[in-house]
């Protein structure tokens, strides 16, 4: 253990010595028309909503497919078991999606952030709050 710490020490010291401070600041003369979006918040919110929607849609599709597979099993025990397994997996997946959605809403309430209508504060708002 001590050898590992000693072997990391030179690279850590070199990193600390060569690293330069980076400060977030407003860049003057920056052309905002070349940027596809100015605020990352709506992009993240929409992405999260689309992911939850497609995950639920996919689970619904697998439940329907498993039901059709079960109906067409025709008395074959292995096919019926495979259909039941597919339906079970789809229901468990749907429960995971619903639980993830609920956790997202709960965390949003706890931290006071609406994750499905999220806006990052503007630079002027941050400066005014200091």
C-alpha atoms as a PDB file:
ATOM      1  CA  UNK A   1       0.000   0.000   0.000  1.00  0.00           C
ATOM      2  CA  UNK A   2       2.806   2.385   0.888  1.00  0.00           C
ATOM      3  CA  UNK A   3       4.571   1.677  -2.412  1.00  0.00           C
ATOM      4  CA  UNK A   4       1.459   2.629  -4.333  1.00  0.00           C
ATOM      5  CA  UNK A   5       1.222   5.954  -2.508  1.00  0.00           C
ATOM      6  CA  UNK A   6       4.907   6.658  -3.039  1.00  0.00           C
ATOM      7  CA  UNK A   7       4.671   5.809  -6.744  1.00  0.00           C
ATOM      8  CA  UNK A   8       1.712   8.182  -7.180  1.00  0.00           C
ATOM      9  CA  UNK A   9       3.386  11.064  -5.376  1.00  0.00           C
ATOM     10  CA  UNK A  10       5.635  12.295  -8.264  1.00  0.00           C
ATOM     11  CA  UNK A  11       2.808  12.310 -10.801  1.00  0.00           C
ATOM     12  CA  UNK A  12       0.479  14.058  -8.343  1.00  0.00           C
ATOM     13  CA  UNK A  13       3.078  16.689  -7.571  1.00  0.00           C
ATOM     14  CA  UNK A  14       3.761  17.233 -11.282  1.00  0.00           C
ATOM     15  CA  UNK A  15       0.036  17.624 -11.933  1.00  0.00           C
ATOM     16  CA  UNK A  16      -0.359  20.144  -9.131  1.00  0.00           C
ATOM     17  CA  UNK A  17       2.690  22.093 -10.234  1.00  0.00           C
ATOM     18  CA  UNK A  18       1.670  22.274 -13.897  1.00  0.00           C
ATOM     19  CA  UNK A  19      -2.071  22.777 -13.437  1.00  0.00           C
ATOM     20  CA  UNK A  20      -3.410  26.247 -14.060  1.00  0.00           C
ATOM     21  CA  UNK A  21      -6.500  27.778 -12.561  1.00  0.00           C
ATOM     22  CA  UNK A  22      -9.543  27.935 -14.795  1.00  0.00           C
ATOM     23  CA  UNK A  23     -12.226  30.434 -13.910  1.00  0.00           C
ATOM     24  CA  UNK A  24     -15.672  30.566 -15.486  1.00  0.00           C
ATOM     25  CA  UNK A  25     -16.274  34.024 -16.795  1.00  0.00           C
ATOM     26  CA  UNK A  26     -18.218  35.844 -19.450  1.00  0.00           C
ATOM     27  CA  UNK A  27     -16.263  35.884 -22.694  1.00  0.00           C
ATOM     28  CA  UNK A  28     -16.636  39.199 -24.445  1.00  0.00           C
ATOM     29  CA  UNK A  29     -16.884  39.176 -28.196  1.00  0.00           C
ATOM     30  CA  UNK A  30     -18.224  35.592 -28.255  1.00  0.00           C
ATOM     31  CA  UNK A  31     -20.638  35.003 -31.142  1.00  0.00           C
ATOM     32  CA  UNK A  32     -23.686  33.283 -29.608  1.00  0.00           C
ATOM     33  CA  UNK A  33     -25.336  32.772 -32.996  1.00  0.00           C
ATOM     34  CA  UNK A  34     -22.944  29.888 -33.739  1.00  0.00           C
ATOM     35  CA  UNK A  35     -24.050  27.935 -30.652  1.00  0.00           C
ATOM     36  CA  UNK A  36     -27.021  25.580 -31.195  1.00  0.00           C
ATOM     37  CA  UNK A  37     -28.470  26.388 -27.757  1.00  0.00           C
ATOM     38  CA  UNK A  38     -27.721  28.858 -25.000  1.00  0.00           C
ATOM     39  CA  UNK A  39     -29.188  27.025 -22.032  1.00  0.00           C
ATOM     40  CA  UNK A  40     -28.434  23.391 -21.208  1.00  0.00           C
ATOM     41  CA  UNK A  41     -31.373  23.056 -18.774  1.00  0.00           C
ATOM     42  CA  UNK A  42     -34.175  22.532 -21.311  1.00  0.00           C
ATOM     43  CA  UNK A  43     -32.028  20.055 -23.235  1.00  0.00           C
ATOM     44  CA  UNK A  44     -31.461  17.962 -20.094  1.00  0.00           C
ATOM     45  CA  UNK A  45     -35.138  18.179 -19.093  1.00  0.00           C
ATOM     46  CA  UNK A  46     -36.376  17.133 -22.509  1.00  0.00           C
ATOM     47  CA  UNK A  47     -33.840  14.308 -22.713  1.00  0.00           C
ATOM     48  CA  UNK A  48     -34.947  12.978 -19.330  1.00  0.00           C
ATOM     49  CA  UNK A  49     -38.622  13.115 -20.324  1.00  0.00           C
ATOM     50  CA  UNK A  50     -37.950  11.362 -23.648  1.00  0.00           C
ATOM     51  CA  UNK A  51     -35.926   8.609 -21.942  1.00  0.00           C
ATOM     52  CA  UNK A  52     -38.730   7.918 -19.453  1.00  0.00           C
ATOM     53  CA  UNK A  53     -41.333   7.949 -22.234  1.00  0.00           C
ATOM     54  CA  UNK A  54     -39.453   5.505 -24.455  1.00  0.00           C
ATOM     55  CA  UNK A  55     -38.608   3.217 -21.523  1.00  0.00           C
ATOM     56  CA  UNK A  56     -42.305   2.995 -20.639  1.00  0.00           C
ATOM     57  CA  UNK A  57     -43.255   2.485 -24.278  1.00  0.00           C
ATOM     58  CA  UNK A  58     -40.665  -0.281 -24.637  1.00  0.00           C
ATOM     59  CA  UNK A  59     -41.940  -2.039 -21.492  1.00  0.00           C
ATOM     60  CA  UNK A  60     -45.506  -1.828 -22.843  1.00  0.00           C
ATOM     61  CA  UNK A  61     -44.334  -3.288 -26.168  1.00  0.00           C
ATOM     62  CA  UNK A  62     -42.641  -6.224 -24.404  1.00  0.00           C
ATOM     63  CA  UNK A  63     -45.773  -6.906 -22.322  1.00  0.00           C
ATOM     64  CA  UNK A  64     -47.880  -7.015 -25.497  1.00  0.00           C
ATOM     65  CA  UNK A  65     -45.299  -9.208 -27.266  1.00  0.00           C
ATOM     66  CA  UNK A  66     -45.167 -11.581 -24.282  1.00  0.00           C
ATOM     67  CA  UNK A  67     -48.966 -11.787 -24.234  1.00  0.00           C
ATOM     68  CA  UNK A  68     -49.106 -12.654 -27.921  1.00  0.00           C
ATOM     69  CA  UNK A  69     -46.303 -15.191 -27.411  1.00  0.00           C
ATOM     70  CA  UNK A  70     -48.255 -16.766 -24.533  1.00  0.00           C
ATOM     71  CA  UNK A  71     -51.457 -16.946 -26.576  1.00  0.00           C
ATOM     72  CA  UNK A  72     -49.663 -18.564 -29.510  1.00  0.00           C
ATOM     73  CA  UNK A  73     -47.738 -21.036 -27.326  1.00  0.00           C
ATOM     74  CA  UNK A  74     -50.330 -23.682 -28.195  1.00  0.00           C
ATOM     75  CA  UNK A  75     -49.786 -25.805 -25.098  1.00  0.00           C
ATOM     76  CA  UNK A  76     -45.988 -25.855 -25.415  1.00  0.00           C
ATOM     77  CA  UNK A  77     -44.691 -25.561 -21.845  1.00  0.00           C
ATOM     78  CA  UNK A  78     -41.342 -24.067 -22.847  1.00  0.00           C
ATOM     79  CA  UNK A  79     -42.933 -21.414 -25.071  1.00  0.00           C
ATOM     80  CA  UNK A  80     -45.454 -20.531 -22.361  1.00  0.00           C
ATOM     81  CA  UNK A  81     -42.660 -20.257 -19.790  1.00  0.00           C
ATOM     82  CA  UNK A  82     -40.642 -18.037 -22.144  1.00  0.00           C
ATOM     83  CA  UNK A  83     -43.713 -15.823 -22.603  1.00  0.00           C
ATOM     84  CA  UNK A  84     -44.254 -15.609 -18.831  1.00  0.00           C
ATOM     85  CA  UNK A  85     -40.583 -14.738 -18.351  1.00  0.00           C
ATOM     86  CA  UNK A  86     -40.841 -11.988 -20.980  1.00  0.00           C
ATOM     87  CA  UNK A  87     -43.955 -10.530 -19.337  1.00  0.00           C
ATOM     88  CA  UNK A  88     -42.344 -10.724 -15.887  1.00  0.00           C
ATOM     89  CA  UNK A  89     -39.200  -8.992 -17.115  1.00  0.00           C
ATOM     90  CA  UNK A  90     -41.277  -6.291 -18.823  1.00  0.00           C
ATOM     91  CA  UNK A  91     -43.342  -5.646 -15.692  1.00  0.00           C
ATOM     92  CA  UNK A  92     -40.194  -5.474 -13.560  1.00  0.00           C
ATOM     93  CA  UNK A  93     -38.663  -3.073 -16.095  1.00  0.00           C
ATOM     94  CA  UNK A  94     -41.799  -0.933 -16.027  1.00  0.00           C
ATOM     95  CA  UNK A  95     -41.671  -0.872 -12.220  1.00  0.00           C
ATOM     96  CA  UNK A  96     -38.024   0.233 -12.380  1.00  0.00           C
ATOM     97  CA  UNK A  97     -38.946   3.046 -14.795  1.00  0.00           C
ATOM     98  CA  UNK A  98     -41.833   4.179 -12.567  1.00  0.00           C
ATOM     99  CA  UNK A  99     -39.586   4.021  -9.492  1.00  0.00           C
ATOM    100  CA  UNK A 100     -36.871   6.039 -11.272  1.00  0.00           C
ATOM    101  CA  UNK A 101     -39.481   8.619 -12.284  1.00  0.00           C
ATOM    102  CA  UNK A 102     -40.783   8.791  -8.701  1.00  0.00           C
ATOM    103  CA  UNK A 103     -37.260   9.139  -7.289  1.00  0.00           C
ATOM    104  CA  UNK A 104     -36.576  11.924  -9.787  1.00  0.00           C
ATOM    105  CA  UNK A 105     -39.710  13.772  -8.670  1.00  0.00           C
ATOM    106  CA  UNK A 106     -38.932  13.231  -4.980  1.00  0.00           C
ATOM    107  CA  UNK A 107     -35.351  14.480  -5.363  1.00  0.00           C
ATOM    108  CA  UNK A 108     -36.688  17.447  -7.294  1.00  0.00           C
ATOM    109  CA  UNK A 109     -39.022  18.294  -4.407  1.00  0.00           C
ATOM    110  CA  UNK A 110     -36.308  17.786  -1.778  1.00  0.00           C
ATOM    111  CA  UNK A 111     -33.795  20.023  -3.559  1.00  0.00           C
ATOM    112  CA  UNK A 112     -36.382  22.449  -4.911  1.00  0.00           C
ATOM    113  CA  UNK A 113     -35.611  21.762  -8.573  1.00  0.00           C
ATOM    114  CA  UNK A 114     -38.219  20.949 -11.193  1.00  0.00           C
ATOM    115  CA  UNK A 115     -36.202  18.489 -13.266  1.00  0.00           C
ATOM    116  CA  UNK A 116     -38.808  18.335 -16.021  1.00  0.00           C
ATOM    117  CA  UNK A 117     -38.924  22.096 -16.506  1.00  0.00           C
ATOM    118  CA  UNK A 118     -35.377  22.960 -15.508  1.00  0.00           C
ATOM    119  CA  UNK A 119     -33.676  26.268 -16.245  1.00  0.00           C
ATOM    120  CA  UNK A 120     -30.122  27.055 -15.250  1.00  0.00           C
ATOM    121  CA  UNK A 121     -29.878  30.477 -13.604  1.00  0.00           C
ATOM    122  CA  UNK A 122     -28.501  33.167 -15.871  1.00  0.00           C
ATOM    123  CA  UNK A 123     -25.101  34.713 -15.105  1.00  0.00           C
ATOM    124  CA  UNK A 124     -26.710  38.035 -14.202  1.00  0.00           C
ATOM    125  CA  UNK A 125     -29.020  36.327 -11.688  1.00  0.00           C
ATOM    126  CA  UNK A 126     -26.039  34.611 -10.017  1.00  0.00           C
ATOM    127  CA  UNK A 127     -24.113  37.856  -9.800  1.00  0.00           C
ATOM    128  CA  UNK A 128     -27.106  39.649  -8.275  1.00  0.00           C
ATOM    129  CA  UNK A 129     -27.530  37.048  -5.539  1.00  0.00           C
ATOM    130  CA  UNK A 130     -23.986  37.499  -4.175  1.00  0.00           C
END
